[in-house]
Amino acid sequence: MGTTFWDRLIDFVKLAWLVIISVISPIRIAVWVLLVFFTVNFFVGYKSDVQVNKRDFSLKKAFDGVKQQILYYALIFIVNMALGLYEETNLAEAATKFMTWIVSYWYLVNILRNAREIFPGNETLKFLYDLLTIQVLDMLLARFGLISQHRIKKKYGLHDERDNTEEDH
């Protein structure tokens, strides 16, 4: 008995899943982290729109969010794959982490901004939002060596006599 169209379709779907899983495997943590942030951002944003802005669910806005998420995944995959092809696995992992943290950071800022609209009297949400929008970006950049710890300490007045170097004089 020969194979039917449906048998071939099932085999194709299995092959497609195998390819997708093998492609995602090196960046699976980034995929999960971004998926969690995307999901929380989606629901908090939806609640904020309905409760605060008195708007109905917008399929266009939801679809734009999904397109943006797909773009993030594509960028992370391309960077990881390109560096991996040059056998720069440590750099590929670091770049993937960096991009994931940056996107997650902005998701978190957006989540807190929307949560503040839902719960306007919540001082904890206000504090966390202010903290993230003022200081954390600098800390993230310093963590990845893009700006110096000394610059952050100086910017926020956190340096003391032990931190003085010739560039202070």
Protein backbone atom coordinates (compact mmCIF):
# COMPACT_ATOMS: atom_id res chain seq x y z
CA MET A 1 0.00 0.00 0.00
CA GLY A 2 1.46 3.41 -0.99
CA THR A 3 1.83 6.46 1.12
CA THR A 4 -0.96 8.96 1.06
CA PHE A 5 -0.83 12.71 0.98
CA TRP A 6 -1.60 12.80 4.72
CA ASP A 7 1.26 10.44 5.54
CA ARG A 8 3.66 12.67 3.64
CA LEU A 9 2.23 15.77 5.28
CA ILE A 10 2.73 14.23 8.73
CA ASP A 11 6.31 13.32 7.84
CA PHE A 12 6.91 16.88 6.62
CA VAL A 13 5.50 18.36 9.84
CA LYS A 14 7.72 16.06 11.91
CA LEU A 15 10.75 17.09 9.87
CA ALA A 16 9.86 20.77 10.21
CA TRP A 17 9.59 20.42 14.02
CA LEU A 18 12.94 18.64 14.12
CA VAL A 19 14.57 21.48 12.16
CA ILE A 20 12.93 24.14 14.35
CA ILE A 21 14.03 22.40 17.56
CA SER A 22 17.60 21.97 16.30
CA VAL A 23 17.75 25.65 15.31
CA ILE A 24 16.34 26.86 18.64
CA SER A 25 18.40 24.52 20.83
CA PRO A 26 21.45 26.81 21.23
CA ILE A 27 19.26 29.76 22.17
CA ARG A 28 16.52 27.92 24.07
CA ILE A 29 17.01 29.90 27.30
CA ALA A 30 16.71 33.19 25.41
CA VAL A 31 13.58 31.87 23.71
CA TRP A 32 11.96 30.97 27.04
CA VAL A 33 12.97 34.19 28.81
CA LEU A 34 11.62 36.35 26.00
CA LEU A 35 8.46 34.27 25.76
CA VAL A 36 7.75 34.79 29.47
CA PHE A 37 8.39 38.55 29.27
CA PHE A 38 6.32 38.82 26.08
CA THR A 39 3.40 36.95 27.67
CA VAL A 40 3.39 39.02 30.87
CA ASN A 41 3.78 42.23 28.85
CA PHE A 42 0.89 41.20 26.59
CA PHE A 43 -1.54 40.55 29.47
CA VAL A 44 -0.54 43.57 31.57
CA GLY A 45 -0.74 45.79 28.48
CA TYR A 46 -4.16 44.36 27.63
CA LYS A 47 -5.41 44.94 31.18
CA SER A 48 -4.05 48.50 31.12
CA ASP A 49 -5.74 49.26 27.81
CA VAL A 50 -9.09 47.91 28.98
CA GLN A 51 -9.06 49.29 32.52
CA VAL A 52 -7.26 52.62 32.15
CA ASN A 53 -7.67 53.65 28.51
CA LYS A 54 -11.15 52.11 28.12
CA ARG A 55 -10.19 50.47 24.82
CA ASP A 56 -11.32 47.10 23.53
CA PHE A 57 -8.90 44.37 22.55
CA SER A 58 -6.96 45.39 19.43
CA LEU A 59 -6.03 42.53 17.14
CA LYS A 60 -3.72 44.87 15.20
CA LYS A 61 -1.83 45.83 18.38
CA ALA A 62 -1.56 42.16 19.40
CA PHE A 63 -0.32 41.17 15.95
CA ASP A 64 2.25 44.00 16.03
CA GLY A 65 3.50 42.63 19.36
CA VAL A 66 3.82 39.14 17.89
CA LYS A 67 5.69 40.52 14.85
CA GLN A 68 8.04 42.38 17.19
CA GLN A 69 8.66 39.20 19.18
CA ILE A 70 9.42 37.27 15.98
CA LEU A 71 11.87 40.02 15.01
CA TYR A 72 13.65 39.69 18.38
CA TYR A 73 13.90 35.92 17.94
CA ALA A 74 15.21 36.35 14.39
CA LEU A 75 17.87 38.86 15.47
CA ILE A 76 19.05 36.67 18.32
CA PHE A 77 19.12 33.61 16.08
CA ILE A 78 21.02 35.41 13.30
CA VAL A 79 23.65 36.81 15.67
CA ASN A 80 24.05 33.44 17.39
CA MET A 81 24.26 31.56 14.10
CA ALA A 82 26.68 34.02 12.47
CA LEU A 83 29.08 33.95 15.41
CA GLY A 84 28.67 30.20 15.70
CA LEU A 85 29.67 29.73 12.07
CA TYR A 86 32.93 31.50 12.88
CA GLU A 87 33.31 29.11 15.83
CA GLU A 88 33.05 31.97 18.29
CA THR A 89 30.77 30.03 20.64
CA ASN A 90 31.64 32.06 23.75
CA LEU A 91 31.02 35.32 21.93
CA ALA A 92 27.81 33.92 20.43
CA GLU A 93 26.57 32.96 23.89
CA ALA A 94 27.52 36.36 25.33
CA ALA A 95 25.85 38.23 22.45
CA THR A 96 22.70 36.13 22.84
CA LYS A 97 22.61 36.85 26.57
CA PHE A 98 23.22 40.56 26.01
CA MET A 99 20.44 40.89 23.44
CA THR A 100 18.07 38.84 25.60
CA TRP A 101 18.76 41.00 28.65
CA ILE A 102 18.27 44.22 26.70
CA VAL A 103 14.95 43.12 25.19
CA SER A 104 13.82 41.69 28.55
CA TYR A 105 14.77 44.96 30.25
CA TRP A 106 12.52 46.97 27.93
CA TYR A 107 9.71 44.45 28.33
CA LEU A 108 10.05 44.82 32.11
CA VAL A 109 10.01 48.62 31.90
CA ASN A 110 6.84 48.43 29.78
CA ILE A 111 5.25 45.92 32.18
CA LEU A 112 5.94 48.21 35.14
CA ARG A 113 4.71 51.29 33.26
CA ASN A 114 1.42 49.57 32.46
CA ALA A 115 1.14 48.11 35.97
CA ARG A 116 1.55 51.61 37.41
CA GLU A 117 -1.44 52.70 35.32
CA ILE A 118 -3.50 49.76 36.61
CA PHE A 119 -2.44 50.34 40.24
CA PRO A 120 -1.72 54.10 40.44
CA GLY A 121 -1.37 54.17 44.23
CA ASN A 122 1.21 51.38 44.44
CA GLU A 123 4.47 52.94 45.61
CA THR A 124 6.45 49.73 45.02
CA LEU A 125 5.62 49.75 41.32
CA LYS A 126 6.49 53.45 41.11
CA PHE A 127 9.82 52.86 42.86
CA LEU A 128 10.71 49.88 40.65
CA TYR A 129 9.79 51.78 37.51
CA ASP A 130 11.86 54.79 38.57
CA LEU A 131 14.78 52.56 39.52
CA LEU A 132 14.72 50.71 36.21
CA THR A 133 14.35 53.79 34.07
CA ILE A 134 17.08 55.77 35.82
CA GLN A 135 19.90 53.48 36.95
CA VAL A 136 19.54 49.95 35.69
CA LEU A 137 20.34 50.68 32.05
CA ASP A 138 23.71 52.04 33.14
CA MET A 139 24.27 48.96 35.29
CA LEU A 140 23.43 46.67 32.37
CA LEU A 141 25.81 48.53 30.10
CA ALA A 142 28.56 48.31 32.73
CA ARG A 143 27.88 44.59 33.23
CA PHE A 144 28.73 43.99 29.59
CA GLY A 145 31.70 46.34 29.68
CA LEU A 146 30.15 49.06 27.52
CA ILE A 147 30.67 51.76 30.17
CA SER A 148 32.91 51.74 33.22
CA GLN A 149 31.83 51.19 36.82
CA HIS A 150 33.78 54.34 37.68
CA ARG A 151 31.62 56.40 35.32
CA ILE A 152 28.44 55.09 36.96
CA LYS A 153 29.73 55.81 40.46
CA LYS A 154 30.71 59.32 39.41
CA LYS A 155 27.38 59.94 37.63
CA TYR A 156 25.32 58.98 40.69
CA GLY A 157 27.72 60.44 43.28
CA LEU A 158 28.64 57.02 44.63
CA HIS A 159 32.42 57.39 44.58
CA ASP A 160 34.59 57.92 47.62
CA GLU A 161 38.25 58.78 48.22
CA ARG A 162 39.37 55.23 47.31
CA ASP A 163 37.79 55.62 43.87
CA ASN A 164 39.74 58.80 43.02
CA THR A 165 42.00 58.35 40.05
CA GLU A 166 43.96 60.73 37.92
CA GLU A 167 40.93 61.37 35.69
CA ASP A 168 39.15 62.91 38.71
CA HIS A 169 41.96 65.48 39.21
